[in-house]
N, C-alpha and C. Protein backbone atom coordinates (compact mmCIF):
# COMPACT_ATOMS: atom_id res chain seq x y z
N MET A 1 55.53 -69.79 213.55
CA MET A 1 56.07 -70.19 212.34
C MET A 1 55.35 -71.39 211.78
N ASN A 2 54.89 -72.30 212.63
CA ASN A 2 54.16 -73.45 212.23
C ASN A 2 52.86 -73.14 211.37
N LYS A 3 52.20 -72.06 211.84
CA LYS A 3 50.98 -71.66 211.15
C LYS A 3 51.30 -71.11 209.77
N LEU A 4 52.37 -70.39 209.63
CA LEU A 4 52.77 -69.88 208.36
C LEU A 4 53.24 -71.00 207.40
N LYS A 5 53.99 -72.02 207.94
CA LYS A 5 54.39 -73.12 207.08
C LYS A 5 53.22 -74.00 206.71
N SER A 6 52.23 -74.20 207.61
CA SER A 6 51.00 -74.88 207.22
C SER A 6 50.25 -74.21 206.05
N THR A 7 50.12 -72.93 206.12
CA THR A 7 49.49 -72.19 204.99
C THR A 7 50.24 -72.31 203.73
N HIS A 8 51.58 -72.28 203.88
CA HIS A 8 52.45 -72.45 202.74
C HIS A 8 52.29 -73.74 202.08
N ILE A 9 52.19 -74.79 202.80
CA ILE A 9 51.96 -76.18 202.21
C ILE A 9 50.61 -76.23 201.56
N LYS A 10 49.58 -75.69 202.18
CA LYS A 10 48.22 -75.63 201.61
C LYS A 10 48.23 -74.93 200.32
N THR A 11 49.00 -73.82 200.18
CA THR A 11 49.04 -73.03 198.98
C THR A 11 49.77 -73.81 197.91
N LEU A 12 50.79 -74.62 198.21
CA LEU A 12 51.44 -75.47 197.23
C LEU A 12 50.50 -76.47 196.69
N ILE A 13 49.73 -77.16 197.57
CA ILE A 13 48.77 -78.16 197.18
C ILE A 13 47.72 -77.51 196.20
N PHE A 14 47.25 -76.28 196.52
CA PHE A 14 46.30 -75.59 195.70
C PHE A 14 46.93 -75.28 194.33
N CYS A 15 48.15 -74.87 194.29
CA CYS A 15 48.88 -74.58 193.00
C CYS A 15 48.85 -75.84 192.19
N ILE A 16 49.28 -76.98 192.78
CA ILE A 16 49.32 -78.21 192.01
C ILE A 16 47.93 -78.63 191.47
N LEU A 17 46.88 -78.47 192.35
CA LEU A 17 45.54 -78.77 191.88
C LEU A 17 45.11 -77.87 190.70
N LEU A 18 45.40 -76.58 190.70
CA LEU A 18 45.10 -75.70 189.66
C LEU A 18 45.82 -76.12 188.35
N PHE A 19 47.09 -76.56 188.50
CA PHE A 19 47.85 -76.96 187.35
C PHE A 19 47.17 -78.24 186.71
N CYS A 20 46.72 -79.17 187.59
CA CYS A 20 46.04 -80.40 187.16
C CYS A 20 44.77 -80.04 186.44
N PHE A 21 44.02 -79.03 186.93
CA PHE A 21 42.86 -78.63 186.26
C PHE A 21 43.18 -78.22 184.81
N PHE A 22 44.28 -77.55 184.64
CA PHE A 22 44.64 -77.11 183.31
C PHE A 22 44.95 -78.32 182.42
N VAL A 23 45.71 -79.23 182.89
CA VAL A 23 46.16 -80.40 182.11
C VAL A 23 44.91 -81.28 181.81
N PHE A 24 44.10 -81.53 182.81
CA PHE A 24 42.96 -82.40 182.55
C PHE A 24 41.88 -81.70 181.84
N GLY A 25 41.89 -80.38 181.93
CA GLY A 25 40.93 -79.58 181.15
C GLY A 25 41.16 -79.64 179.58
N ILE A 26 42.50 -79.66 179.30
CA ILE A 26 42.86 -79.86 177.89
C ILE A 26 42.39 -81.18 177.39
N LEU A 27 42.65 -82.25 178.16
CA LEU A 27 42.17 -83.55 177.78
C LEU A 27 40.59 -83.60 177.68
N GLY A 28 39.92 -82.90 178.58
CA GLY A 28 38.45 -82.85 178.57
C GLY A 28 38.01 -82.18 177.28
N ILE A 29 38.63 -81.07 176.88
CA ILE A 29 38.26 -80.40 175.69
C ILE A 29 38.46 -81.32 174.42
N ILE A 30 39.60 -82.00 174.38
CA ILE A 30 39.89 -82.88 173.29
C ILE A 30 38.85 -84.06 173.16
N PHE A 31 38.64 -84.75 174.29
CA PHE A 31 37.73 -85.87 174.27
C PHE A 31 36.30 -85.37 174.07
N GLY A 32 35.95 -84.31 174.76
CA GLY A 32 34.63 -83.78 174.65
C GLY A 32 34.25 -83.30 173.25
N ALA A 33 35.22 -82.70 172.57
CA ALA A 33 34.93 -82.26 171.16
C ALA A 33 34.93 -83.37 170.19
N THR A 34 35.86 -84.35 170.39
CA THR A 34 35.92 -85.43 169.38
C THR A 34 34.85 -86.50 169.54
N LYS A 35 34.42 -86.69 170.77
CA LYS A 35 33.36 -87.70 171.08
C LYS A 35 31.95 -87.14 171.10
N GLY A 36 31.87 -85.80 171.10
CA GLY A 36 30.56 -85.14 171.13
C GLY A 36 29.96 -85.15 172.55
N ILE A 37 30.70 -85.16 173.53
CA ILE A 37 30.20 -85.07 174.88
C ILE A 37 30.30 -83.66 175.43
N THR A 38 29.16 -82.99 175.36
CA THR A 38 29.08 -81.54 175.70
C THR A 38 29.48 -81.27 177.10
N PHE A 39 29.07 -82.09 178.02
CA PHE A 39 29.39 -81.96 179.50
C PHE A 39 30.85 -81.97 179.63
N LEU A 40 31.57 -82.90 179.06
CA LEU A 40 32.99 -83.06 179.22
C LEU A 40 33.69 -81.87 178.58
N LEU A 41 33.20 -81.37 177.46
CA LEU A 41 33.76 -80.19 176.79
C LEU A 41 33.64 -79.01 177.69
N VAL A 42 32.47 -78.77 178.29
CA VAL A 42 32.33 -77.62 179.22
C VAL A 42 33.13 -77.72 180.44
N VAL A 43 33.23 -78.83 181.05
CA VAL A 43 34.15 -79.12 182.18
C VAL A 43 35.61 -78.88 181.79
N GLY A 44 36.02 -79.31 180.58
CA GLY A 44 37.31 -79.12 180.13
C GLY A 44 37.68 -77.64 179.97
N ILE A 45 36.68 -76.88 179.36
CA ILE A 45 36.92 -75.41 179.22
C ILE A 45 37.10 -74.76 180.54
N VAL A 46 36.24 -75.12 181.53
CA VAL A 46 36.28 -74.48 182.83
C VAL A 46 37.64 -74.80 183.52
N GLY A 47 38.05 -76.05 183.37
CA GLY A 47 39.32 -76.57 183.92
C GLY A 47 40.50 -75.77 183.36
N VAL A 48 40.52 -75.61 182.02
CA VAL A 48 41.61 -74.85 181.35
C VAL A 48 41.60 -73.47 181.82
N VAL A 49 40.42 -72.75 181.90
CA VAL A 49 40.42 -71.36 182.29
C VAL A 49 40.88 -71.24 183.72
N LEU A 50 40.42 -72.11 184.64
CA LEU A 50 40.86 -72.00 186.04
C LEU A 50 42.36 -72.25 186.13
N GLY A 51 42.81 -73.24 185.45
CA GLY A 51 44.25 -73.61 185.50
C GLY A 51 45.09 -72.58 184.85
N PHE A 52 44.71 -72.06 183.75
CA PHE A 52 45.51 -71.07 182.97
C PHE A 52 45.65 -69.76 183.75
N TYR A 53 44.53 -69.28 184.34
CA TYR A 53 44.61 -67.96 185.07
C TYR A 53 44.97 -68.15 186.52
N GLY A 54 44.50 -69.23 187.11
CA GLY A 54 44.69 -69.39 188.61
C GLY A 54 46.05 -69.87 188.95
N THR A 55 46.69 -70.74 188.18
CA THR A 55 48.02 -71.29 188.51
C THR A 55 49.08 -70.22 188.73
N PRO A 56 49.22 -69.25 187.80
CA PRO A 56 50.28 -68.22 188.04
C PRO A 56 50.00 -67.39 189.29
N ILE A 57 48.76 -67.02 189.43
CA ILE A 57 48.38 -66.19 190.63
C ILE A 57 48.69 -66.95 191.91
N ALA A 58 48.28 -68.22 191.97
CA ALA A 58 48.61 -69.07 193.13
C ALA A 58 50.05 -69.22 193.39
N PHE A 59 50.84 -69.44 192.35
CA PHE A 59 52.35 -69.56 192.52
C PHE A 59 52.98 -68.26 193.01
N VAL A 60 52.41 -67.08 192.56
CA VAL A 60 52.93 -65.83 193.08
C VAL A 60 52.70 -65.76 194.58
N LYS A 61 51.51 -66.20 195.06
CA LYS A 61 51.20 -66.17 196.44
C LYS A 61 52.14 -67.20 197.22
N TYR A 62 52.41 -68.28 196.60
CA TYR A 62 53.31 -69.29 197.16
C TYR A 62 54.71 -68.69 197.37
N VAL A 63 55.19 -67.96 196.33
CA VAL A 63 56.58 -67.35 196.53
C VAL A 63 56.53 -66.26 197.56
N GLU A 64 55.41 -65.49 197.69
CA GLU A 64 55.39 -64.49 198.74
C GLU A 64 55.49 -65.12 200.13
N GLN A 65 54.72 -66.26 200.30
CA GLN A 65 54.79 -66.95 201.55
C GLN A 65 56.17 -67.49 201.86
N LYS A 66 56.85 -67.96 200.80
CA LYS A 66 58.28 -68.51 200.96
C LYS A 66 59.12 -67.36 201.43
N THR A 67 58.94 -66.16 200.92
CA THR A 67 59.72 -65.04 201.43
C THR A 67 59.37 -64.64 202.85
N ASN A 68 58.11 -64.77 203.19
CA ASN A 68 57.66 -64.48 204.61
C ASN A 68 58.33 -65.51 205.53
N ILE A 69 58.43 -66.72 205.14
CA ILE A 69 59.08 -67.80 206.02
C ILE A 69 60.57 -67.53 206.08
N ALA A 70 61.17 -67.10 205.01
CA ALA A 70 62.62 -66.82 205.04
C ALA A 70 62.95 -65.64 205.97
N VAL A 71 62.07 -64.63 205.94
CA VAL A 71 62.38 -63.40 206.86
C VAL A 71 62.13 -63.83 208.23
N LEU A 72 61.11 -64.56 208.53
CA LEU A 72 60.74 -65.01 209.85
C LEU A 72 61.87 -65.94 210.44
N ASP A 73 62.43 -66.77 209.55
CA ASP A 73 63.47 -67.68 209.95
C ASP A 73 64.72 -66.85 210.25
N CYS A 74 65.04 -65.80 209.51
CA CYS A 74 66.20 -65.00 209.89
C CYS A 74 66.00 -64.29 211.26
N ILE A 75 64.88 -63.88 211.51
CA ILE A 75 64.59 -63.16 212.75
C ILE A 75 64.69 -64.13 213.92
N ILE A 76 63.88 -65.26 213.85
CA ILE A 76 63.77 -66.12 215.00
C ILE A 76 65.00 -67.04 215.15
N ASN A 77 65.34 -67.72 214.09
CA ASN A 77 66.39 -68.69 214.25
C ASN A 77 67.82 -68.11 214.15
N ASP A 78 68.03 -67.16 213.26
CA ASP A 78 69.38 -66.60 213.12
C ASP A 78 69.55 -65.34 213.94
N ASN A 79 68.57 -64.82 214.58
CA ASN A 79 68.60 -63.71 215.41
C ASN A 79 69.13 -62.45 214.71
N LEU A 80 68.73 -62.24 213.45
CA LEU A 80 69.13 -61.09 212.67
C LEU A 80 68.05 -60.05 212.97
N LEU A 81 68.41 -58.87 213.46
CA LEU A 81 67.46 -57.88 213.82
C LEU A 81 67.63 -56.58 212.99
N ASN A 82 68.65 -56.51 212.13
CA ASN A 82 68.87 -55.35 211.28
C ASN A 82 68.20 -55.66 209.93
N ILE A 83 67.39 -54.80 209.44
CA ILE A 83 66.67 -54.98 208.23
C ILE A 83 67.61 -55.17 207.04
N ASN A 84 68.70 -54.37 206.94
CA ASN A 84 69.67 -54.57 205.94
C ASN A 84 70.30 -55.96 205.93
N SER A 85 70.65 -56.40 207.15
CA SER A 85 71.21 -57.74 207.26
C SER A 85 70.24 -58.88 206.78
N ILE A 86 68.99 -58.68 207.15
CA ILE A 86 67.97 -59.69 206.73
C ILE A 86 67.87 -59.60 205.23
N ALA A 87 67.86 -58.39 204.65
CA ALA A 87 67.69 -58.24 203.26
C ALA A 87 68.84 -58.86 202.43
N SER A 88 70.07 -58.72 202.97
CA SER A 88 71.21 -59.28 202.22
C SER A 88 71.26 -60.84 202.44
N SER A 89 70.74 -61.32 203.53
CA SER A 89 70.71 -62.68 203.79
C SER A 89 69.81 -63.53 202.90
N ILE A 90 68.65 -62.87 202.54
CA ILE A 90 67.72 -63.52 201.65
C ILE A 90 67.68 -63.02 200.30
N GLY A 91 68.52 -62.09 199.97
CA GLY A 91 68.63 -61.55 198.59
C GLY A 91 67.40 -60.64 198.20
N GLN A 92 66.92 -59.86 199.12
CA GLN A 92 65.80 -58.98 198.85
C GLN A 92 66.25 -57.56 199.12
N LYS A 93 65.49 -56.58 198.67
CA LYS A 93 65.66 -55.20 198.93
C LYS A 93 65.15 -54.87 200.41
N PRO A 94 65.88 -53.99 201.10
CA PRO A 94 65.43 -53.63 202.46
C PRO A 94 64.03 -53.15 202.53
N LYS A 95 63.52 -52.37 201.52
CA LYS A 95 62.15 -51.95 201.50
C LYS A 95 61.17 -53.08 201.43
N ALA A 96 61.50 -54.12 200.65
CA ALA A 96 60.68 -55.32 200.59
C ALA A 96 60.64 -56.05 201.87
N VAL A 97 61.84 -56.16 202.53
CA VAL A 97 61.93 -56.85 203.82
C VAL A 97 61.13 -56.13 204.84
N LEU A 98 61.23 -54.77 204.90
CA LEU A 98 60.41 -54.00 205.82
C LEU A 98 58.92 -54.23 205.67
N SER A 99 58.53 -54.29 204.47
CA SER A 99 57.08 -54.55 204.13
C SER A 99 56.76 -55.93 204.64
N THR A 100 57.53 -56.87 204.38
CA THR A 100 57.31 -58.32 204.87
C THR A 100 57.21 -58.36 206.38
N ILE A 101 58.13 -57.64 207.05
CA ILE A 101 58.12 -57.63 208.52
C ILE A 101 56.86 -57.00 209.05
N ASN A 102 56.42 -55.91 208.40
CA ASN A 102 55.10 -55.27 208.80
C ASN A 102 53.97 -56.25 208.64
N PHE A 103 53.98 -56.98 207.53
CA PHE A 103 52.95 -58.03 207.31
C PHE A 103 53.00 -59.07 208.39
N LEU A 104 54.18 -59.53 208.76
CA LEU A 104 54.32 -60.55 209.75
C LEU A 104 53.84 -60.07 211.14
N ILE A 105 54.16 -58.84 211.46
CA ILE A 105 53.75 -58.26 212.78
C ILE A 105 52.21 -58.08 212.76
N THR A 106 51.73 -57.51 211.68
CA THR A 106 50.31 -57.19 211.59
C THR A 106 49.44 -58.47 211.71
N ASN A 107 49.82 -59.50 211.01
CA ASN A 107 49.15 -60.77 211.04
C ASN A 107 49.54 -61.75 212.17
N ARG A 108 50.30 -61.23 213.08
CA ARG A 108 50.68 -61.95 214.33
C ARG A 108 51.46 -63.22 214.07
N TYR A 109 52.18 -63.24 212.97
CA TYR A 109 53.12 -64.33 212.82
C TYR A 109 54.46 -64.03 213.55
N LEU A 110 54.69 -62.77 213.78
CA LEU A 110 55.84 -62.34 214.52
C LEU A 110 55.39 -61.51 215.70
N LYS A 111 55.58 -62.05 216.92
CA LYS A 111 55.12 -61.38 218.09
C LYS A 111 56.30 -60.95 218.94
N GLY A 112 56.16 -59.84 219.63
CA GLY A 112 57.19 -59.45 220.58
C GLY A 112 58.27 -58.55 220.01
N TYR A 113 58.03 -58.02 218.79
CA TYR A 113 59.01 -57.07 218.18
C TYR A 113 58.43 -55.83 217.65
N LEU A 114 59.16 -54.76 217.68
CA LEU A 114 58.80 -53.48 217.11
C LEU A 114 59.90 -53.07 216.11
N ILE A 115 59.41 -52.25 215.11
CA ILE A 115 60.42 -51.73 214.12
C ILE A 115 60.75 -50.34 214.55
N GLU A 116 62.03 -50.09 214.75
CA GLU A 116 62.56 -48.76 215.05
C GLU A 116 63.65 -48.45 214.10
N GLY A 117 63.25 -47.59 213.13
CA GLY A 117 64.24 -47.25 212.05
C GLY A 117 64.47 -48.45 211.10
N GLU A 118 65.76 -48.89 211.14
CA GLU A 118 66.20 -50.02 210.32
C GLU A 118 66.47 -51.22 211.25
N VAL A 119 66.01 -51.15 212.44
CA VAL A 119 66.31 -52.26 213.40
C VAL A 119 64.99 -52.80 214.05
N LEU A 120 64.97 -54.10 214.19
CA LEU A 120 63.88 -54.74 214.83
C LEU A 120 64.29 -54.84 216.34
N LYS A 121 63.36 -54.36 217.20
CA LYS A 121 63.68 -54.47 218.64
C LYS A 121 62.68 -55.28 219.36
N PRO A 122 63.17 -56.17 220.26
CA PRO A 122 62.26 -57.00 221.07
C PRO A 122 61.53 -56.06 222.04
N ILE A 123 60.24 -56.33 222.22
CA ILE A 123 59.48 -55.53 223.22
C ILE A 123 59.87 -55.98 224.62
N GLN A 124 60.17 -55.04 225.49
CA GLN A 124 60.52 -55.32 226.86
C GLN A 124 59.23 -55.69 227.58
N ASN A 125 59.35 -56.53 228.57
CA ASN A 125 58.20 -56.87 229.41
C ASN A 125 57.66 -55.61 230.05
N GLN A 126 56.35 -55.41 229.86
CA GLN A 126 55.77 -54.25 230.31
C GLN A 126 55.03 -54.56 231.64
N GLU A 127 54.84 -53.51 232.47
CA GLU A 127 54.08 -53.75 233.71
C GLU A 127 52.69 -54.26 233.47
N THR A 128 52.22 -55.08 234.30
CA THR A 128 50.88 -55.68 234.19
C THR A 128 49.93 -54.61 234.74
N VAL A 129 48.94 -54.27 233.93
CA VAL A 129 47.90 -53.32 234.34
C VAL A 129 46.81 -54.12 235.15
N ILE A 130 46.48 -53.69 236.34
CA ILE A 130 45.45 -54.38 237.12
C ILE A 130 44.15 -53.71 236.93
N THR A 131 43.08 -54.40 236.72
CA THR A 131 41.80 -53.75 236.51
C THR A 131 40.92 -54.08 237.74
N HIS A 132 40.16 -53.06 238.14
CA HIS A 132 39.16 -53.23 239.25
C HIS A 132 37.92 -52.53 238.96
N LYS A 133 36.87 -52.91 239.61
CA LYS A 133 35.59 -52.15 239.54
C LYS A 133 35.50 -51.21 240.69
N CYS A 134 35.11 -49.97 240.38
CA CYS A 134 34.94 -48.93 241.40
C CYS A 134 33.69 -49.41 242.31
N PRO A 135 33.87 -49.45 243.61
CA PRO A 135 32.79 -49.87 244.53
C PRO A 135 31.66 -48.82 244.56
N TYR A 136 31.91 -47.63 244.09
CA TYR A 136 30.87 -46.56 244.17
C TYR A 136 29.98 -46.41 242.91
N CYS A 137 30.74 -46.46 241.73
CA CYS A 137 29.90 -46.21 240.53
C CYS A 137 29.99 -47.47 239.61
N GLY A 138 30.80 -48.44 239.87
CA GLY A 138 30.85 -49.70 239.06
C GLY A 138 31.69 -49.66 237.82
N ALA A 139 32.39 -48.56 237.60
CA ALA A 139 33.27 -48.40 236.48
C ALA A 139 34.52 -49.26 236.51
N THR A 140 34.98 -49.82 235.35
CA THR A 140 36.15 -50.59 235.32
C THR A 140 37.30 -49.68 235.17
N LEU A 141 38.31 -49.84 236.11
CA LEU A 141 39.46 -48.90 236.23
C LEU A 141 40.68 -49.74 236.04
N ALA A 142 41.68 -49.09 235.28
CA ALA A 142 42.97 -49.71 235.12
C ALA A 142 43.92 -49.02 236.04
N LEU A 143 44.40 -49.72 237.12
CA LEU A 143 45.22 -49.08 238.12
C LEU A 143 46.70 -49.62 237.96
N ASP A 144 47.60 -48.72 238.03
CA ASP A 144 49.04 -49.11 238.03
C ASP A 144 49.74 -48.75 239.27
N LYS A 145 49.01 -48.27 240.29
CA LYS A 145 49.68 -47.95 241.61
C LYS A 145 48.65 -48.36 242.71
N GLU A 146 49.05 -48.34 243.97
CA GLU A 146 48.24 -48.88 245.02
C GLU A 146 47.13 -47.88 245.34
N ILE A 147 47.30 -46.57 245.32
CA ILE A 147 46.31 -45.60 245.73
C ILE A 147 45.94 -44.82 244.43
N SER A 148 44.69 -44.71 244.14
CA SER A 148 44.23 -44.01 242.96
C SER A 148 42.88 -43.46 243.21
N ALA A 149 42.36 -42.73 242.24
CA ALA A 149 40.99 -42.21 242.34
C ALA A 149 40.21 -42.69 241.07
N CYS A 150 38.92 -42.86 241.25
CA CYS A 150 38.12 -43.25 240.19
C CYS A 150 37.97 -42.07 239.22
N GLU A 151 38.27 -42.33 237.95
CA GLU A 151 38.30 -41.31 236.96
C GLU A 151 36.90 -40.81 236.57
N TYR A 152 35.88 -41.62 237.01
CA TYR A 152 34.44 -41.29 236.62
C TYR A 152 33.75 -40.55 237.72
N CYS A 153 33.79 -41.11 238.89
CA CYS A 153 33.08 -40.46 240.07
C CYS A 153 33.97 -39.70 241.03
N GLY A 154 35.26 -39.88 240.83
CA GLY A 154 36.25 -39.14 241.71
C GLY A 154 36.48 -39.68 243.11
N ALA A 155 35.91 -40.84 243.43
CA ALA A 155 36.07 -41.44 244.66
C ALA A 155 37.50 -41.92 244.85
N ARG A 156 38.09 -41.65 246.07
CA ARG A 156 39.38 -42.15 246.37
C ARG A 156 39.42 -43.58 246.67
N LEU A 157 40.36 -44.34 246.08
CA LEU A 157 40.34 -45.77 246.26
C LEU A 157 41.74 -46.16 246.77
N LYS A 158 41.72 -47.21 247.61
CA LYS A 158 42.99 -47.77 248.03
C LYS A 158 42.82 -49.26 247.69
N ILE A 159 43.68 -49.65 246.84
CA ILE A 159 43.59 -51.03 246.28
C ILE A 159 44.93 -51.74 246.71
N ASN A 160 44.80 -52.93 247.20
CA ASN A 160 45.98 -53.76 247.54
C ASN A 160 46.27 -54.61 246.35
N THR A 161 47.35 -54.25 245.61
CA THR A 161 47.79 -55.00 244.39
C THR A 161 48.65 -56.18 244.69
N LYS A 162 49.09 -56.36 245.94
CA LYS A 162 49.95 -57.53 246.31
C LYS A 162 49.10 -58.64 246.76
N LYS A 163 49.39 -59.80 246.35
CA LYS A 163 48.65 -61.04 246.70
C LYS A 163 49.59 -62.13 247.13
């Protein structure tokens, strides 16, 4: 969650900077045109264009991140695992919440959960898969029991997995 909040704060700072470009760009255009300073006029125009088009786009991204944080907060801190409950808690549609949860899982902001229908389920601890090299052909093998055979050369192997 800290990584997501850090990105959120950086986006807010970027939004504020773009807005400042817009305001100072207008001043640059005014002073550049009235004083005949071409460089200031060009910088002012660039600032206005960046601020005018960039600020709304950046604020949309900022709001998306705020929604991501709200959904993550409902799951982690409030322990809400039903998509409809999360949606009603943050005032979003269930389809939008499902999309947000998929984004959070895909980008590894939310770890240890799977979506099953309309419910988020914690992943159970799975068996640890032990890997070994076959002494005959050198292939890497994933063994989940003590006696197995090499899937490449067919050699029978007895591996002691207890240590």
